[in-house]
Amino acid sequence: MKLNEVIAAIDEQHEAAIIFVKKVNGKVLPNSEAVLVVIGEEEGDWKTDQIASKYCPGFEYFLEVFIIQDMIDDLKGMANYNTLDQQVNRIIHYAEFDA
């Protein structure tokens, strides 16, 4: 699944899931491969790189689903973020520089 597809269907995703992405030439892009992982209680204290190693080697932590759900709710009311592409690019920027 691609990152933009995951974000397009974010309300259908388990809110406790963690999104991991595979960077393209060192960058997260809307069409980067994405994997959703829901961890068990025994893995709750694990670092994200440990989770990635177990469930999706070669992928890197992106964000939790609930964070993106909150961001989409906030972005829907903003004039500069009406389209899915605009929302996806804003979320990528947040994940890379603000999270």
PDB file of N, CA and C in Angstrom:
ATOM      1  N   MET A   1       0.850  -1.169   0.000  1.00  0.00           N
ATOM      2  CA  MET A   1       0.000   0.000   0.000  1.00  0.00           C
ATOM      3  C   MET A   1       0.902   1.239   0.000  1.00  0.00           C
ATOM      4  N   LYS A   2       0.473   2.268  -0.658  1.00  0.00           N
ATOM      5  CA  LYS A   2       1.228   3.523  -0.724  1.00  0.00           C
ATOM      6  C   LYS A   2       0.781   4.449   0.411  1.00  0.00           C
ATOM      7  N   LEU A   3       1.670   5.344   0.825  1.00  0.00           N
ATOM      8  CA  LEU A   3       1.368   6.254   1.923  1.00  0.00           C
ATOM      9  C   LEU A   3       0.121   7.082   1.634  1.00  0.00           C
ATOM     10  N   ASN A   4      -0.002   7.610   0.417  1.00  0.00           N
ATOM     11  CA  ASN A   4      -1.179   8.428   0.117  1.00  0.00           C
ATOM     12  C   ASN A   4      -2.465   7.603   0.176  1.00  0.00           C
ATOM     13  N   GLU A   5      -2.399   6.308  -0.108  1.00  0.00           N
ATOM     14  CA  GLU A   5      -3.568   5.433   0.012  1.00  0.00           C
ATOM     15  C   GLU A   5      -3.932   5.209   1.476  1.00  0.00           C
ATOM     16  N   VAL A   6      -2.919   5.040   2.313  1.00  0.00           N
ATOM     17  CA  VAL A   6      -3.162   4.877   3.746  1.00  0.00           C
ATOM     18  C   VAL A   6      -3.829   6.132   4.298  1.00  0.00           C
ATOM     19  N   ILE A   7      -3.305   7.297   3.935  1.00  0.00           N
ATOM     20  CA  ILE A   7      -3.855   8.553   4.443  1.00  0.00           C
ATOM     21  C   ILE A   7      -5.260   8.789   3.890  1.00  0.00           C
ATOM     22  N   ALA A   8      -5.500   8.438   2.632  1.00  0.00           N
ATOM     23  CA  ALA A   8      -6.836   8.605   2.045  1.00  0.00           C
ATOM     24  C   ALA A   8      -7.884   7.788   2.801  1.00  0.00           C
ATOM     25  N   ALA A   9      -7.472   6.652   3.353  1.00  0.00           N
ATOM     26  CA  ALA A   9      -8.391   5.773   4.078  1.00  0.00           C
ATOM     27  C   ALA A   9      -8.118   5.794   5.580  1.00  0.00           C
ATOM     28  N   ILE A  10      -7.594   6.895   6.088  1.00  0.00           N
ATOM     29  CA  ILE A  10      -7.136   6.955   7.480  1.00  0.00           C
ATOM     30  C   ILE A  10      -8.254   6.687   8.482  1.00  0.00           C
ATOM     31  N   ASP A  11      -9.478   7.091   8.170  1.00  0.00           N
ATOM     32  CA  ASP A  11     -10.580   6.858   9.105  1.00  0.00           C
ATOM     33  C   ASP A  11     -10.975   5.391   9.189  1.00  0.00           C
ATOM     34  N   GLU A  12     -10.531   4.587   8.245  1.00  0.00           N
ATOM     35  CA  GLU A  12     -10.816   3.151   8.250  1.00  0.00           C
ATOM     36  C   GLU A  12      -9.724   2.356   8.969  1.00  0.00           C
ATOM     37  N   GLN A  13      -8.645   3.012   9.355  1.00  0.00           N
ATOM     38  CA  GLN A  13      -7.504   2.330   9.973  1.00  0.00           C
ATOM     39  C   GLN A  13      -7.677   2.253  11.490  1.00  0.00           C
ATOM     40  N   HIS A  14      -7.064   1.260  12.083  1.00  0.00           N
ATOM     41  CA  HIS A  14      -7.054   1.103  13.541  1.00  0.00           C
ATOM     42  C   HIS A  14      -6.291   2.278  14.132  1.00  0.00           C
ATOM     43  N   GLU A  15      -6.924   3.017  15.037  1.00  0.00           N
ATOM     44  CA  GLU A  15      -6.289   4.248  15.525  1.00  0.00           C
ATOM     45  C   GLU A  15      -5.011   4.010  16.317  1.00  0.00           C
ATOM     46  N   ALA A  16      -4.809   2.799  16.809  1.00  0.00           N
ATOM     47  CA  ALA A  16      -3.577   2.494  17.545  1.00  0.00           C
ATOM     48  C   ALA A  16      -2.455   2.002  16.630  1.00  0.00           C
ATOM     49  N   ALA A  17      -2.726   1.880  15.345  1.00  0.00           N
ATOM     50  CA  ALA A  17      -1.708   1.389  14.412  1.00  0.00           C
ATOM     51  C   ALA A  17      -0.591   2.417  14.234  1.00  0.00           C
ATOM     52  N   ILE A  18       0.573   1.907  13.929  1.00  0.00           N
ATOM     53  CA  ILE A  18       1.740   2.742  13.640  1.00  0.00           C
ATOM     54  C   ILE A  18       2.057   2.564  12.162  1.00  0.00           C
ATOM     55  N   ILE A  19       2.336   3.676  11.488  1.00  0.00           N
ATOM     56  CA  ILE A  19       2.663   3.623  10.064  1.00  0.00           C
ATOM     57  C   ILE A  19       4.177   3.669   9.898  1.00  0.00           C
ATOM     58  N   PHE A  20       4.674   2.735   9.102  1.00  0.00           N
ATOM     59  CA  PHE A  20       6.080   2.697   8.727  1.00  0.00           C
ATOM     60  C   PHE A  20       6.153   2.879   7.216  1.00  0.00           C
ATOM     61  N   VAL A  21       7.187   3.579   6.748  1.00  0.00           N
ATOM     62  CA  VAL A  21       7.332   3.842   5.314  1.00  0.00           C
ATOM     63  C   VAL A  21       8.711   3.418   4.828  1.00  0.00           C
ATOM     64  N   LYS A  22       8.782   3.172   3.534  1.00  0.00           N
ATOM     65  CA  LYS A  22      10.056   2.903   2.877  1.00  0.00           C
ATOM     66  C   LYS A  22      10.396   4.153   2.075  1.00  0.00           C
ATOM     67  N   LYS A  23      11.508   4.779   2.425  1.00  0.00           N
ATOM     68  CA  LYS A  23      11.899   6.016   1.753  1.00  0.00           C
ATOM     69  C   LYS A  23      12.345   5.740   0.319  1.00  0.00           C
ATOM     70  N   VAL A  24      12.128   6.733  -0.540  1.00  0.00           N
ATOM     71  CA  VAL A  24      12.545   6.681  -1.937  1.00  0.00           C
ATOM     72  C   VAL A  24      13.686   7.679  -2.097  1.00  0.00           C
ATOM     73  N   ASN A  25      14.883   7.185  -2.382  1.00  0.00           N
ATOM     74  CA  ASN A  25      16.070   8.046  -2.472  1.00  0.00           C
ATOM     75  C   ASN A  25      16.228   8.911  -1.224  1.00  0.00           C
ATOM     76  N   GLY A  26      15.980   8.309  -0.060  1.00  0.00           N
ATOM     77  CA  GLY A  26      16.158   9.001   1.207  1.00  0.00           C
ATOM     78  C   GLY A  26      15.031   9.931   1.601  1.00  0.00           C
ATOM     79  N   LYS A  27      13.927   9.920   0.850  1.00  0.00           N
ATOM     80  CA  LYS A  27      12.818  10.836   1.141  1.00  0.00           C
ATOM     81  C   LYS A  27      11.508  10.068   1.285  1.00  0.00           C
ATOM     82  N   VAL A  28      10.640  10.604   2.148  1.00  0.00           N
ATOM     83  CA  VAL A  28       9.278  10.092   2.230  1.00  0.00           C
ATOM     84  C   VAL A  28       8.463  10.830   1.176  1.00  0.00           C
ATOM     85  N   LEU A  29       7.820  10.075   0.309  1.00  0.00           N
ATOM     86  CA  LEU A  29       7.003  10.639  -0.762  1.00  0.00           C
ATOM     87  C   LEU A  29       5.576  10.115  -0.640  1.00  0.00           C
ATOM     88  N   PRO A  30       4.622  10.798  -1.245  1.00  0.00           N
ATOM     89  CA  PRO A  30       3.244  10.303  -1.198  1.00  0.00           C
ATOM     90  C   PRO A  30       3.106   8.868  -1.714  1.00  0.00           C
ATOM     91  N   ASN A  31       3.956   8.481  -2.655  1.00  0.00           N
ATOM     92  CA  ASN A  31       3.870   7.122  -3.200  1.00  0.00           C
ATOM     93  C   ASN A  31       4.860   6.149  -2.555  1.00  0.00           C
ATOM     94  N   SER A  32       5.434   6.535  -1.413  1.00  0.00           N
ATOM     95  CA  SER A  32       6.297   5.613  -0.671  1.00  0.00           C
ATOM     96  C   SER A  32       5.467   4.425  -0.187  1.00  0.00           C
ATOM     97  N   GLU A  33       6.085   3.248  -0.180  1.00  0.00           N
ATOM     98  CA  GLU A  33       5.407   2.075   0.370  1.00  0.00           C
ATOM     99  C   GLU A  33       5.162   2.305   1.852  1.00  0.00           C
ATOM    100  N   ALA A  34       4.001   1.876   2.321  1.00  0.00           N
ATOM    101  CA  ALA A  34       3.645   2.048   3.730  1.00  0.00           C
ATOM    102  C   ALA A  34       3.080   0.747   4.285  1.00  0.00           C
ATOM    103  N   VAL A  35       3.355   0.521   5.566  1.00  0.00           N
ATOM    104  CA  VAL A  35       2.860  -0.646   6.280  1.00  0.00           C
ATOM    105  C   VAL A  35       2.266  -0.158   7.592  1.00  0.00           C
ATOM    106  N   LEU A  36       1.111  -0.705   7.943  1.00  0.00           N
ATOM    107  CA  LEU A  36       0.499  -0.400   9.233  1.00  0.00           C
ATOM    108  C   LEU A  36       0.762  -1.561  10.177  1.00  0.00           C
ATOM    109  N   VAL A  37       1.180  -1.243  11.397  1.00  0.00           N
ATOM    110  CA  VAL A  37       1.485  -2.268  12.385  1.00  0.00           C
ATOM    111  C   VAL A  37       0.728  -1.946  13.664  1.00  0.00           C
ATOM    112  N   VAL A  38       0.019  -2.938  14.182  1.00  0.00           N
ATOM    113  CA  VAL A  38      -0.613  -2.826  15.495  1.00  0.00           C
ATOM    114  C   VAL A  38       0.177  -3.748  16.409  1.00  0.00           C
ATOM    115  N   ILE A  39       0.769  -3.170  17.443  1.00  0.00           N
ATOM    116  CA  ILE A  39       1.621  -3.962  18.332  1.00  0.00           C
ATOM    117  C   ILE A  39       0.818  -4.490  19.517  1.00  0.00           C
ATOM    118  N   GLY A  40       1.323  -5.570  20.083  1.00  0.00           N
ATOM    119  CA  GLY A  40       0.711  -6.147  21.266  1.00  0.00           C
ATOM    120  C   GLY A  40       1.221  -5.470  22.528  1.00  0.00           C
ATOM    121  N   GLU A  41       0.597  -5.799  23.642  1.00  0.00           N
ATOM    122  CA  GLU A  41       0.979  -5.198  24.925  1.00  0.00           C
ATOM    123  C   GLU A  41       2.441  -5.453  25.265  1.00  0.00           C
ATOM    124  N   GLU A  42       2.924  -6.654  24.952  1.00  0.00           N
ATOM    125  CA  GLU A  42       4.302  -7.012  25.296  1.00  0.00           C
ATOM    126  C   GLU A  42       5.323  -6.175  24.530  1.00  0.00           C
ATOM    127  N   GLU A  43       4.894  -5.536  23.439  1.00  0.00           N
ATOM    128  CA  GLU A  43       5.804  -4.718  22.633  1.00  0.00           C
ATOM    129  C   GLU A  43       5.613  -3.226  22.882  1.00  0.00           C
ATOM    130  N   GLY A  44       4.770  -2.883  23.821  1.00  0.00           N
ATOM    131  CA  GLY A  44       4.441  -1.483  24.083  1.00  0.00           C
ATOM    132  C   GLY A  44       5.627  -0.616  24.463  1.00  0.00           C
ATOM    133  N   ASP A  45       6.651  -1.214  25.048  1.00  0.00           N
ATOM    134  CA  ASP A  45       7.832  -0.453  25.459  1.00  0.00           C
ATOM    135  C   ASP A  45       8.945  -0.473  24.410  1.00  0.00           C
ATOM    136  N   TRP A  46       8.714  -1.132  23.310  1.00  0.00           N
ATOM    137  CA  TRP A  46       9.738  -1.229  22.271  1.00  0.00           C
ATOM    138  C   TRP A  46       9.926   0.101  21.567  1.00  0.00           C
ATOM    139  N   LYS A  47      11.136   0.325  21.092  1.00  0.00           N
ATOM    140  CA  LYS A  47      11.412   1.491  20.252  1.00  0.00           C
ATOM    141  C   LYS A  47      10.914   1.189  18.843  1.00  0.00           C
ATOM    142  N   THR A  48      10.645   2.254  18.102  1.00  0.00           N
ATOM    143  CA  THR A  48      10.070   2.059  16.764  1.00  0.00           C
ATOM    144  C   THR A  48      10.999   1.283  15.830  1.00  0.00           C
ATOM    145  N   ASP A  49      12.310   1.412  15.997  1.00  0.00           N
ATOM    146  CA  ASP A  49      13.208   0.650  15.126  1.00  0.00           C
ATOM    147  C   ASP A  49      13.154  -0.844  15.442  1.00  0.00           C
ATOM    148  N   GLN A  50      12.884  -1.192  16.703  1.00  0.00           N
ATOM    149  CA  GLN A  50      12.720  -2.599  17.061  1.00  0.00           C
ATOM    150  C   GLN A  50      11.444  -3.165  16.436  1.00  0.00           C
ATOM    151  N   ILE A  51      10.383  -2.364  16.457  1.00  0.00           N
ATOM    152  CA  ILE A  51       9.115  -2.787  15.854  1.00  0.00           C
ATOM    153  C   ILE A  51       9.299  -2.984  14.352  1.00  0.00           C
ATOM    154  N   ALA A  52       9.974  -2.030  13.713  1.00  0.00           N
ATOM    155  CA  ALA A  52      10.222  -2.133  12.270  1.00  0.00           C
ATOM    156  C   ALA A  52      11.041  -3.378  11.950  1.00  0.00           C
ATOM    157  N   SER A  53      12.062  -3.659  12.745  1.00  0.00           N
ATOM    158  CA  SER A  53      12.903  -4.838  12.504  1.00  0.00           C
ATOM    159  C   SER A  53      12.091  -6.128  12.557  1.00  0.00           C
ATOM    160  N   LYS A  54      11.134  -6.179  13.466  1.00  0.00           N
ATOM    161  CA  LYS A  54      10.331  -7.390  13.619  1.00  0.00           C
ATOM    162  C   LYS A  54       9.247  -7.511  12.550  1.00  0.00           C
ATOM    163  N   TYR A  55       8.533  -6.433  12.281  1.00  0.00           N
ATOM    164  CA  TYR A  55       7.336  -6.505  11.438  1.00  0.00           C
ATOM    165  C   TYR A  55       7.518  -6.032   9.996  1.00  0.00           C
ATOM    166  N   CYS A  56       8.466  -5.138   9.775  1.00  0.00           N
ATOM    167  CA  CYS A  56       8.610  -4.587   8.416  1.00  0.00           C
ATOM    168  C   CYS A  56      10.046  -4.122   8.180  1.00  0.00           C
ATOM    169  N   PRO A  57      10.991  -5.060   8.101  1.00  0.00           N
ATOM    170  CA  PRO A  57      12.391  -4.694   7.865  1.00  0.00           C
ATOM    171  C   PRO A  57      12.535  -3.837   6.605  1.00  0.00           C
ATOM    172  N   GLY A  58      13.375  -2.823   6.704  1.00  0.00           N
ATOM    173  CA  GLY A  58      13.594  -1.926   5.572  1.00  0.00           C
ATOM    174  C   GLY A  58      12.688  -0.714   5.589  1.00  0.00           C
ATOM    175  N   PHE A  59      11.731  -0.700   6.500  1.00  0.00           N
ATOM    176  CA  PHE A  59      10.820   0.431   6.634  1.00  0.00           C
ATOM    177  C   PHE A  59      11.219   1.254   7.852  1.00  0.00           C
ATOM    178  N   GLU A  60      10.810   2.515   7.865  1.00  0.00           N
ATOM    179  CA  GLU A  60      11.110   3.417   8.972  1.00  0.00           C
ATOM    180  C   GLU A  60       9.821   3.983   9.548  1.00  0.00           C
ATOM    181  N   TYR A  61       9.876   4.312  10.825  1.00  0.00           N
ATOM    182  CA  TYR A  61       8.724   4.908  11.500  1.00  0.00           C
ATOM    183  C   TYR A  61       8.279   6.171  10.775  1.00  0.00           C
ATOM    184  N   PHE A  62       6.962   6.338  10.642  1.00  0.00           N
ATOM    185  CA  PHE A  62       6.389   7.558  10.079  1.00  0.00           C
ATOM    186  C   PHE A  62       5.572   8.273  11.149  1.00  0.00           C
ATOM    187  N   LEU A  63       4.391   7.817  11.443  1.00  0.00           N
ATOM    188  CA  LEU A  63       3.529   8.399  12.476  1.00  0.00           C
ATOM    189  C   LEU A  63       2.503   7.356  12.918  1.00  0.00           C
ATOM    190  N   GLU A  64       1.843   7.645  14.038  1.00  0.00           N
ATOM    191  CA  GLU A  64       0.721   6.831  14.466  1.00  0.00           C
ATOM    192  C   GLU A  64      -0.534   7.284  13.723  1.00  0.00           C
ATOM    193  N   VAL A  65      -1.448   6.353  13.501  1.00  0.00           N
ATOM    194  CA  VAL A  65      -2.690   6.652  12.789  1.00  0.00           C
ATOM    195  C   VAL A  65      -3.477   7.749  13.492  1.00  0.00           C
ATOM    196  N   PHE A  66      -3.592   7.692  14.829  1.00  0.00           N
ATOM    197  CA  PHE A  66      -4.414   8.678  15.527  1.00  0.00           C
ATOM    198  C   PHE A  66      -3.903  10.102  15.324  1.00  0.00           C
ATOM    199  N   ILE A  67      -2.600  10.275  15.163  1.00  0.00           N
ATOM    200  CA  ILE A  67      -2.041  11.612  14.922  1.00  0.00           C
ATOM    201  C   ILE A  67      -2.502  12.120  13.557  1.00  0.00           C
ATOM    202  N   ILE A  68      -2.444  11.258  12.562  1.00  0.00           N
ATOM    203  CA  ILE A  68      -2.871  11.662  11.219  1.00  0.00           C
ATOM    204  C   ILE A  68      -4.371  11.934  11.197  1.00  0.00           C
ATOM    205  N   GLN A  69      -5.149  11.122  11.904  1.00  0.00           N
ATOM    206  CA  GLN A  69      -6.592  11.372  11.975  1.00  0.00           C
ATOM    207  C   GLN A  69      -6.870  12.763  12.543  1.00  0.00           C
ATOM    208  N   ASP A  70      -6.169  13.127  13.614  1.00  0.00           N
ATOM    209  CA  ASP A  70      -6.332  14.462  14.205  1.00  0.00           C
ATOM    210  C   ASP A  70      -5.899  15.552  13.232  1.00  0.00           C
ATOM    211  N   MET A  71      -4.792  15.336  12.551  1.00  0.00           N
ATOM    212  CA  MET A  71      -4.307  16.337  11.596  1.00  0.00           C
ATOM    213  C   MET A  71      -5.294  16.539  10.449  1.00  0.00           C
ATOM    214  N   ILE A  72      -5.837  15.456   9.914  1.00  0.00           N
ATOM    215  CA  ILE A  72      -6.802  15.561   8.815  1.00  0.00           C
ATOM    216  C   ILE A  72      -8.020  16.357   9.269  1.00  0.00           C
ATOM    217  N   ASP A  73      -8.497  16.089  10.474  1.00  0.00           N
ATOM    218  CA  ASP A  73      -9.639  16.850  10.999  1.00  0.00           C
ATOM    219  C   ASP A  73      -9.322  18.336  11.045  1.00  0.00           C
ATOM    220  N   ASP A  74      -8.116  18.687  11.482  1.00  0.00           N
ATOM    221  CA  ASP A  74      -7.711  20.095  11.554  1.00  0.00           C
ATOM    222  C   ASP A  74      -7.512  20.700  10.168  1.00  0.00           C
ATOM    223  N   LEU A  75      -6.915  19.955   9.258  1.00  0.00           N
ATOM    224  CA  LEU A  75      -6.607  20.478   7.925  1.00  0.00           C
ATOM    225  C   LEU A  75      -7.850  20.690   7.066  1.00  0.00           C
ATOM    226  N   LYS A  76      -8.891  19.920   7.301  1.00  0.00           N
ATOM    227  CA  LYS A  76     -10.107  20.033   6.494  1.00  0.00           C
ATOM    228  C   LYS A  76     -10.693  21.438   6.523  1.00  0.00           C
ATOM    229  N   GLY A  77     -10.492  22.159   7.604  1.00  0.00           N
ATOM    230  CA  GLY A  77     -11.046  23.499   7.707  1.00  0.00           C
ATOM    231  C   GLY A  77     -10.126  24.594   7.202  1.00  0.00           C
ATOM    232  N   MET A  78      -8.978  24.239   6.679  1.00  0.00           N
ATOM    233  CA  MET A  78      -8.007  25.239   6.242  1.00  0.00           C
ATOM    234  C   MET A  78      -8.000  25.345   4.718  1.00  0.00           C
ATOM    235  N   ALA A  79      -7.997  26.569   4.230  1.00  0.00           N
ATOM    236  CA  ALA A  79      -8.107  26.833   2.790  1.00  0.00           C
ATOM    237  C   ALA A  79      -6.972  26.214   1.977  1.00  0.00           C
ATOM    238  N   ASN A  80      -5.768  26.176   2.504  1.00  0.00           N
ATOM    239  CA  ASN A  80      -4.614  25.688   1.742  1.00  0.00           C
ATOM    240  C   ASN A  80      -4.493  24.167   1.702  1.00  0.00           C
ATOM    241  N   TYR A  81      -5.406  23.472   2.367  1.00  0.00           N
ATOM    242  CA  TYR A  81      -5.294  22.014   2.470  1.00  0.00           C
ATOM    243  C   TYR A  81      -6.600  21.317   2.102  1.00  0.00           C
ATOM    244  N   ASN A  82      -7.211  21.731   1.013  1.00  0.00           N
ATOM    245  CA  ASN A  82      -8.487  21.152   0.585  1.00  0.00           C
ATOM    246  C   ASN A  82      -8.337  19.800  -0.095  1.00  0.00           C
ATOM    247  N   THR A  83      -7.234  19.580  -0.788  1.00  0.00           N
ATOM    248  CA  THR A  83      -7.077  18.337  -1.545  1.00  0.00           C
ATOM    249  C   THR A  83      -6.290  17.305  -0.747  1.00  0.00           C
ATOM    250  N   LEU A  84      -6.468  16.056  -1.122  1.00  0.00           N
ATOM    251  CA  LEU A  84      -5.719  14.980  -0.480  1.00  0.00           C
ATOM    252  C   LEU A  84      -4.222  15.184  -0.665  1.00  0.00           C
ATOM    253  N   ASP A  85      -3.793  15.574  -1.853  1.00  0.00           N
ATOM    254  CA  ASP A  85      -2.363  15.798  -2.108  1.00  0.00           C
ATOM    255  C   ASP A  85      -1.795  16.853  -1.171  1.00  0.00           C
ATOM    256  N   GLN A  86      -2.517  17.936  -0.965  1.00  0.00           N
ATOM    257  CA  GLN A  86      -2.056  18.993  -0.061  1.00  0.00           C
ATOM    258  C   GLN A  86      -1.970  18.472   1.368  1.00  0.00           C
ATOM    259  N   GLN A  87      -2.959  17.690   1.774  1.00  0.00           N
ATOM    260  CA  GLN A  87      -2.960  17.138   3.126  1.00  0.00           C
ATOM    261  C   GLN A  87      -1.809  16.151   3.315  1.00  0.00           C
ATOM    262  N   VAL A  88      -1.595  15.290   2.332  1.00  0.00           N
ATOM    263  CA  VAL A  88      -0.510  14.304   2.410  1.00  0.00           C
ATOM    264  C   VAL A  88       0.842  15.003   2.505  1.00  0.00           C
ATOM    265  N   ASN A  89       1.063  16.010   1.684  1.00  0.00           N
ATOM    266  CA  ASN A  89       2.338  16.737   1.725  1.00  0.00           C
ATOM    267  C   ASN A  89       2.538  17.441   3.056  1.00  0.00           C
ATOM    268  N   ARG A  90       1.482  17.983   3.639  1.00  0.00           N
ATOM    269  CA  ARG A  90       1.592  18.640   4.950  1.00  0.00           C
ATOM    270  C   ARG A  90       1.924  17.621   6.032  1.00  0.00           C
ATOM    271  N   ILE A  91       1.296  16.460   5.975  1.00  0.00           N
ATOM    272  CA  ILE A  91       1.551  15.409   6.964  1.00  0.00           C
ATOM    273  C   ILE A  91       2.985  14.897   6.840  1.00  0.00           C
ATOM    274  N   ILE A  92       3.468  14.725   5.626  1.00  0.00           N
ATOM    275  CA  ILE A  92       4.864  14.316   5.425  1.00  0.00           C
ATOM    276  C   ILE A  92       5.800  15.365   6.011  1.00  0.00           C
ATOM    277  N   HIS A  93       5.539  16.625   5.745  1.00  0.00           N
ATOM    278  CA  HIS A  93       6.377  17.701   6.293  1.00  0.00           C
ATOM    279  C   HIS A  93       6.369  17.650   7.818  1.00  0.00           C
ATOM    280  N   TYR A  94       5.207  17.485   8.404  1.00  0.00           N
ATOM    281  CA  TYR A  94       5.102  17.389   9.861  1.00  0.00           C
ATOM    282  C   TYR A  94       5.931  16.211  10.383  1.00  0.00           C
ATOM    283  N   ALA A  95       5.779  15.052   9.766  1.00  0.00           N
ATOM    284  CA  ALA A  95       6.491  13.858  10.226  1.00  0.00           C
ATOM    285  C   ALA A  95       8.003  14.025  10.134  1.00  0.00           C
ATOM    286  N   GLU A  96       8.476  14.703   9.097  1.00  0.00           N
ATOM    287  CA  GLU A  96       9.918  14.854   8.903  1.00  0.00           C
ATOM    288  C   GLU A  96      10.530  15.967   9.742  1.00  0.00           C
ATOM    289  N   PHE A  97       9.792  17.030   9.991  1.00  0.00           N
ATOM    290  CA  PHE A  97      10.399  18.204  10.613  1.00  0.00           C
ATOM    291  C   PHE A  97       9.814  18.616  11.961  1.00  0.00           C
ATOM    292  N   ASP A  98       8.598  18.176  12.282  1.00  0.00           N
ATOM    293  CA  ASP A  98       7.957  18.662  13.500  1.00  0.00           C
ATOM    294  C   ASP A  98       7.677  17.587  14.537  1.00  0.00           C
ATOM    295  N   ALA A  99       7.606  16.340  14.121  1.00  0.00           N
ATOM    296  CA  ALA A  99       7.230  15.272  15.059  1.00  0.00           C
ATOM    297  C   ALA A  99       8.405  14.876  15.931  1.00  0.00           C
TER     298      ALA A  99
END
